[in-house]
C-alpha atoms as a PDB file:
ATOM      1  CA  UNK A   1      70.801 -68.114 -36.570  1.00  0.00           C
ATOM      2  CA  UNK A   2      73.313 -69.678 -34.202  1.00  0.00           C
ATOM      3  CA  UNK A   3      75.485 -72.632 -35.127  1.00  0.00           C
ATOM      4  CA  UNK A   4      73.801 -75.077 -32.725  1.00  0.00           C
ATOM      5  CA  UNK A   5      70.307 -74.212 -33.951  1.00  0.00           C
ATOM      6  CA  UNK A   6      71.417 -74.759 -37.539  1.00  0.00           C
ATOM      7  CA  UNK A   7      72.953 -78.125 -36.628  1.00  0.00           C
ATOM      8  CA  UNK A   8      69.790 -79.325 -34.868  1.00  0.00           C
ATOM      9  CA  UNK A   9      67.554 -78.082 -37.679  1.00  0.00           C
ATOM     10  CA  UNK A  10      69.771 -79.739 -40.310  1.00  0.00           C
ATOM     11  CA  UNK A  11      69.710 -83.029 -38.389  1.00  0.00           C
ATOM     12  CA  UNK A  12      65.917 -82.879 -38.060  1.00  0.00           C
ATOM     13  CA  UNK A  13      65.524 -82.267 -41.786  1.00  0.00           C
ATOM     14  CA  UNK A  14      67.971 -85.073 -42.616  1.00  0.00           C
ATOM     15  CA  UNK A  15      66.220 -87.627 -40.391  1.00  0.00           C
ATOM     16  CA  UNK A  16      62.820 -86.550 -41.724  1.00  0.00           C
ATOM     17  CA  UNK A  17      64.066 -87.175 -45.265  1.00  0.00           C
ATOM     18  CA  UNK A  18      65.499 -90.524 -44.197  1.00  0.00           C
ATOM     19  CA  UNK A  19      62.229 -91.599 -42.567  1.00  0.00           C
ATOM     20  CA  UNK A  20      60.228 -90.400 -45.573  1.00  0.00           C
ATOM     21  CA  UNK A  21      62.463 -92.370 -47.932  1.00  0.00           C
ATOM     22  CA  UNK A  22      61.914 -95.545 -45.910  1.00  0.00           C
ATOM     23  CA  UNK A  23      58.157 -94.960 -45.842  1.00  0.00           C
ATOM     24  CA  UNK A  24      57.755 -94.036 -49.503  1.00  0.00           C
ATOM     25  CA  UNK A  25      60.331 -96.407 -50.980  1.00  0.00           C
ATOM     26  CA  UNK A  26      59.797 -99.280 -48.577  1.00  0.00           C
ATOM     27  CA  UNK A  27      56.113 -99.266 -47.733  1.00  0.00           C
ATOM     28  CA  UNK A  28      54.275 -97.368 -50.494  1.00  0.00           C
ATOM     29  CA  UNK A  29      56.389 -98.522 -53.427  1.00  0.00           C
ATOM     30  CA  UNK A  30      57.523-102.009 -52.326  1.00  0.00           C
ATOM     31  CA  UNK A  31      55.604-103.772 -49.569  1.00  0.00           C
ATOM     32  CA  UNK A  32      52.112-102.410 -50.213  1.00  0.00           C
ATOM     33  CA  UNK A  33      52.009-103.455 -53.920  1.00  0.00           C
ATOM     34  CA  UNK A  34      53.416-106.901 -53.092  1.00  0.00           C
ATOM     35  CA  UNK A  35      50.837-107.341 -50.342  1.00  0.00           C
ATOM     36  CA  UNK A  36      47.931-106.263 -52.543  1.00  0.00           C
ATOM     37  CA  UNK A  37      49.139-108.447 -55.431  1.00  0.00           C
ATOM     38  CA  UNK A  38      49.406-111.488 -53.198  1.00  0.00           C
ATOM     39  CA  UNK A  39      45.947-110.923 -51.745  1.00  0.00           C
ATOM     40  CA  UNK A  40      44.453-110.400 -55.220  1.00  0.00           C
ATOM     41  CA  UNK A  41      46.111-113.623 -56.370  1.00  0.00           C
ATOM     42  CA  UNK A  42      44.750-115.497 -53.361  1.00  0.00           C
ATOM     43  CA  UNK A  43      41.248-114.181 -54.071  1.00  0.00           C
ATOM     44  CA  UNK A  44      41.541-114.962 -57.776  1.00  0.00           C
ATOM     45  CA  UNK A  45      41.023-111.337 -58.865  1.00  0.00           C
ATOM     46  CA  UNK A  46      44.544-110.538 -60.079  1.00  0.00           C
ATOM     47  CA  UNK A  47      44.609-108.772 -63.445  1.00  0.00           C
ATOM     48  CA  UNK A  48      47.532-108.216 -65.790  1.00  0.00           C
ATOM     49  CA  UNK A  49      47.546-104.395 -65.433  1.00  0.00           C
ATOM     50  CA  UNK A  50      47.585-104.743 -61.649  1.00  0.00           C
ATOM     51  CA  UNK A  51      50.539-107.127 -61.872  1.00  0.00           C
ATOM     52  CA  UNK A  52      52.468-104.878 -64.267  1.00  0.00           C
ATOM     53  CA  UNK A  53      51.918-101.796 -62.079  1.00  0.00           C
ATOM     54  CA  UNK A  54      53.094-103.720 -59.014  1.00  0.00           C
ATOM     55  CA  UNK A  55      56.241-104.877 -60.818  1.00  0.00           C
ATOM     56  CA  UNK A  56      57.041-101.340 -61.989  1.00  0.00           C
ATOM     57  CA  UNK A  57      56.553-100.002 -58.458  1.00  0.00           C
ATOM     58  CA  UNK A  58      58.796-102.669 -56.972  1.00  0.00           C
ATOM     59  CA  UNK A  59      61.546-102.120 -59.529  1.00  0.00           C
ATOM     60  CA  UNK A  60      61.532 -98.335 -59.074  1.00  0.00           C
ATOM     61  CA  UNK A  61      61.154 -98.345 -55.287  1.00  0.00           C
ATOM     62  CA  UNK A  62      64.865 -98.013 -54.525  1.00  0.00           C
ATOM     63  CA  UNK A  63      65.265 -95.190 -57.014  1.00  0.00           C
ATOM     64  CA  UNK A  64      62.392 -93.257 -55.456  1.00  0.00           C
ATOM     65  CA  UNK A  65      63.707 -93.936 -51.944  1.00  0.00           C
ATOM     66  CA  UNK A  66      67.130 -92.661 -52.993  1.00  0.00           C
ATOM     67  CA  UNK A  67      65.604 -89.553 -54.527  1.00  0.00           C
ATOM     68  CA  UNK A  68      63.639 -88.715 -51.371  1.00  0.00           C
ATOM     69  CA  UNK A  69      66.693 -89.334 -49.179  1.00  0.00           C
ATOM     70  CA  UNK A  70      68.842 -87.196 -51.463  1.00  0.00           C
ATOM     71  CA  UNK A  71      66.366 -84.310 -51.290  1.00  0.00           C
ATOM     72  CA  UNK A  72      66.458 -84.448 -47.485  1.00  0.00           C
ATOM     73  CA  UNK A  73      70.258 -84.553 -47.545  1.00  0.00           C
ATOM     74  CA  UNK A  74      70.472 -81.572 -49.883  1.00  0.00           C
ATOM     75  CA  UNK A  75      68.006 -79.597 -47.774  1.00  0.00           C
ATOM     76  CA  UNK A  76      69.951 -80.330 -44.595  1.00  0.00           C
ATOM     77  CA  UNK A  77      73.188 -79.233 -46.245  1.00  0.00           C
ATOM     78  CA  UNK A  78      71.536 -75.985 -47.307  1.00  0.00           C
ATOM     79  CA  UNK A  79      70.780 -75.270 -43.645  1.00  0.00           C
ATOM     80  CA  UNK A  80      74.183 -76.265 -42.267  1.00  0.00           C
ATOM     81  CA  UNK A  81      77.320 -77.006 -44.215  1.00  0.00           C
ATOM     82  CA  UNK A  82      80.448 -77.645 -42.151  1.00  0.00           C
ATOM     83  CA  UNK A  83      82.653 -76.311 -44.944  1.00  0.00           C
ATOM     84  CA  UNK A  84      81.290 -72.790 -44.331  1.00  0.00           C
ATOM     85  CA  UNK A  85      83.163 -72.495 -41.046  1.00  0.00           C
END
């Protein structure tokens, strides 16, 4: 595989991991639970387990986002590492 193809493929994998970390850590783990908790509170149907799960998701959202980003970074470095040249 040529050098330029490896660079482009590594960049695509990196940006896919970055976008996935924003989606999973930002939307799925942070904003969606907050939104559902606020709507359940407004409707008067908020339960304690729902609140606890939302808090746990919000607290761990940055860790999960960092993990997903790190996996994309590691995968992109497996494709192209500038130290190999």
